[in-house]
Structure formats: structure tokens, C-alpha cells
Amino acid sequence: MDDKTVLSRIHGLVDEEHKLREQLGKGEISSSEEHARLKDLEEALDQCWDLLRRRRAAREVGNNPDAEQAHSVGEVEGYLQ
């Protein structure tokens, strides 16, 4: 994935997050449904931001950013633990 594709994915996930909040406000989904889906969206966003940061870092030190691949959710979410 190139930077443009990663950023496009981020924008899509943010749009989906906004739609979920609208659906909750309209009573179309329950708060537990919203919460579960938001968790998935947040994890996917974390993966995308992590990949984008690593691609930019690789580029800054003269490495090929295309060699960077998305890390698993478990790895990304476990960075601070």
C-alpha cells in the first residue's frame, strides 16, 4: 500500500465512524453495536497510522517505504504494554 492508499483507507474508516455515531443518534443501532464496531474501526485506524508512520520513517532514512507491511492488530495494540 502506498501513502495515498493508506490515507484513503484512514478517511474511509473515519467516515464510517461518523456514520455509526449518526446511526446511534437516530436509534438505528444499539450502543453495544456501535461500541463493538467502533473498537474494530479504532484498531484498523491504529494499524493504518502505524503503517503510515513506518513508511514515512523508512523514506526519511533512505529505505524503501514499499517494503513496510501492516503489522497485526495484536502487535500494534500491544506496543504500549
C-alpha atoms as a PDB file:
ATOM      1  CA  MET A   1       0.000   0.000   0.000  1.00  0.00           C
ATOM      2  CA  ASP A   2       1.345   3.426  -0.850  1.00  0.00           C
ATOM      3  CA  ASP A   3       0.801   6.505   1.328  1.00  0.00           C
ATOM      4  CA  LYS A   4      -2.137   7.701  -0.761  1.00  0.00           C
ATOM      5  CA  THR A   5      -3.900   4.348  -0.359  1.00  0.00           C
ATOM      6  CA  VAL A   6      -3.267   4.291   3.393  1.00  0.00           C
ATOM      7  CA  LEU A   7      -4.609   7.831   3.763  1.00  0.00           C
ATOM      8  CA  SER A   8      -7.656   6.934   1.681  1.00  0.00           C
ATOM      9  CA  ARG A   9      -8.307   3.971   3.983  1.00  0.00           C
ATOM     10  CA  ILE A  10      -7.972   6.242   7.028  1.00  0.00           C
ATOM     11  CA  HIS A  11     -10.510   8.692   5.585  1.00  0.00           C
ATOM     12  CA  GLY A  12     -12.899   5.828   4.820  1.00  0.00           C
ATOM     13  CA  LEU A  13     -12.645   4.493   8.368  1.00  0.00           C
ATOM     14  CA  VAL A  14     -13.249   7.958   9.837  1.00  0.00           C
ATOM     15  CA  ASP A  15     -16.299   8.381   7.589  1.00  0.00           C
ATOM     16  CA  GLU A  16     -17.608   5.039   8.787  1.00  0.00           C
ATOM     17  CA  GLU A  17     -17.071   6.128  12.395  1.00  0.00           C
ATOM     18  CA  HIS A  18     -19.161   9.256  11.780  1.00  0.00           C
ATOM     19  CA  LYS A  19     -21.927   7.188  10.165  1.00  0.00           C
ATOM     20  CA  LEU A  20     -22.005   4.867  13.171  1.00  0.00           C
ATOM     21  CA  ARG A  21     -22.453   7.802  15.503  1.00  0.00           C
ATOM     22  CA  GLU A  22     -25.281   9.122  13.321  1.00  0.00           C
ATOM     23  CA  GLN A  23     -26.959   5.705  13.305  1.00  0.00           C
ATOM     24  CA  LEU A  24     -26.746   5.557  17.086  1.00  0.00           C
ATOM     25  CA  GLY A  25     -28.207   9.049  17.366  1.00  0.00           C
ATOM     26  CA  LYS A  26     -31.122   8.038  15.140  1.00  0.00           C
ATOM     27  CA  GLY A  27     -31.706   4.846  17.116  1.00  0.00           C
ATOM     28  CA  GLU A  28     -30.852   2.663  14.119  1.00  0.00           C
ATOM     29  CA  ILE A  29     -28.261   0.683  16.108  1.00  0.00           C
ATOM     30  CA  SER A  30     -27.753  -0.029  19.789  1.00  0.00           C
ATOM     31  CA  SER A  31     -24.905   1.398  21.813  1.00  0.00           C
ATOM     32  CA  SER A  32     -23.412  -2.098  22.154  1.00  0.00           C
ATOM     33  CA  GLU A  33     -23.427  -2.490  18.356  1.00  0.00           C
ATOM     34  CA  GLU A  34     -21.814   0.915  17.982  1.00  0.00           C
ATOM     35  CA  HIS A  35     -19.236   0.136  20.654  1.00  0.00           C
ATOM     36  CA  ALA A  36     -18.251  -3.187  19.073  1.00  0.00           C
ATOM     37  CA  ARG A  37     -17.880  -1.691  15.606  1.00  0.00           C
ATOM     38  CA  LEU A  38     -16.010   1.356  16.935  1.00  0.00           C
ATOM     39  CA  LYS A  39     -13.489  -0.963  18.566  1.00  0.00           C
ATOM     40  CA  ASP A  40     -12.846  -2.616  15.190  1.00  0.00           C
ATOM     41  CA  LEU A  41     -12.577   0.767  13.482  1.00  0.00           C
ATOM     42  CA  GLU A  42     -10.146   2.097  16.095  1.00  0.00           C
ATOM     43  CA  GLU A  43      -7.927  -0.953  15.707  1.00  0.00           C
ATOM     44  CA  ALA A  44      -7.938  -0.607  11.913  1.00  0.00           C
ATOM     45  CA  LEU A  45      -7.118   3.104  12.237  1.00  0.00           C
ATOM     46  CA  ASP A  46      -4.239   2.305  14.583  1.00  0.00           C
ATOM     47  CA  GLN A  47      -2.889  -0.163  12.015  1.00  0.00           C
ATOM     48  CA  CYS A  48      -3.124   2.400   9.225  1.00  0.00           C
ATOM     49  CA  TRP A  49      -1.479   5.193  11.212  1.00  0.00           C
ATOM     50  CA  ASP A  50       1.285   2.811  12.301  1.00  0.00           C
ATOM     51  CA  LEU A  51       1.954   1.769   8.705  1.00  0.00           C
ATOM     52  CA  LEU A  52       1.933   5.357   7.502  1.00  0.00           C
ATOM     53  CA  ARG A  53       4.417   6.405  10.225  1.00  0.00           C
ATOM     54  CA  ARG A  54       6.714   3.484   9.425  1.00  0.00           C
ATOM     55  CA  ARG A  55       6.546   4.248   5.677  1.00  0.00           C
ATOM     56  CA  ARG A  56       7.470   7.876   6.336  1.00  0.00           C
ATOM     57  CA  ALA A  57      10.297   6.870   8.682  1.00  0.00           C
ATOM     58  CA  ALA A  58      11.681   4.439   6.098  1.00  0.00           C
ATOM     59  CA  ARG A  59      11.611   7.150   3.458  1.00  0.00           C
ATOM     60  CA  GLU A  60      13.406   9.627   5.768  1.00  0.00           C
ATOM     61  CA  VAL A  61      16.349   7.268   6.298  1.00  0.00           C
ATOM     62  CA  GLY A  62      16.569   6.326   2.631  1.00  0.00           C
ATOM     63  CA  ASN A  63      14.866   2.934   2.840  1.00  0.00           C
ATOM     64  CA  ASN A  64      12.126   1.688   0.543  1.00  0.00           C
ATOM     65  CA  PRO A  65       8.757   2.551   2.133  1.00  0.00           C
ATOM     66  CA  ASP A  66       7.100  -0.118  -0.017  1.00  0.00           C
ATOM     67  CA  ALA A  67       8.968  -2.743   1.995  1.00  0.00           C
ATOM     68  CA  GLU A  68       6.833  -1.828   5.020  1.00  0.00           C
ATOM     69  CA  GLN A  69       3.797  -4.013   5.645  1.00  0.00           C
ATOM     70  CA  ALA A  70       0.891  -3.548   8.050  1.00  0.00           C
ATOM     71  CA  HIS A  71       1.513  -5.111  11.433  1.00  0.00           C
ATOM     72  CA  SER A  72      -1.157  -7.264  13.041  1.00  0.00           C
ATOM     73  CA  VAL A  73      -3.742  -5.677  15.315  1.00  0.00           C
ATOM     74  CA  GLY A  74      -2.245  -7.539  18.266  1.00  0.00           C
ATOM     75  CA  GLU A  75       1.202  -6.150  17.565  1.00  0.00           C
ATOM     76  CA  VAL A  76       0.034  -2.572  17.017  1.00  0.00           C
ATOM     77  CA  GLU A  77      -2.277  -2.586  20.037  1.00  0.00           C
ATOM     78  CA  GLY A  78       0.442  -4.157  22.184  1.00  0.00           C
ATOM     79  CA  TYR A  79       3.118  -1.504  21.581  1.00  0.00           C
ATOM     80  CA  LEU A  80       2.497   0.232  24.897  1.00  0.00           C
ATOM     81  CA  GLN A  81       2.055  -2.871  27.002  1.00  0.00           C
END
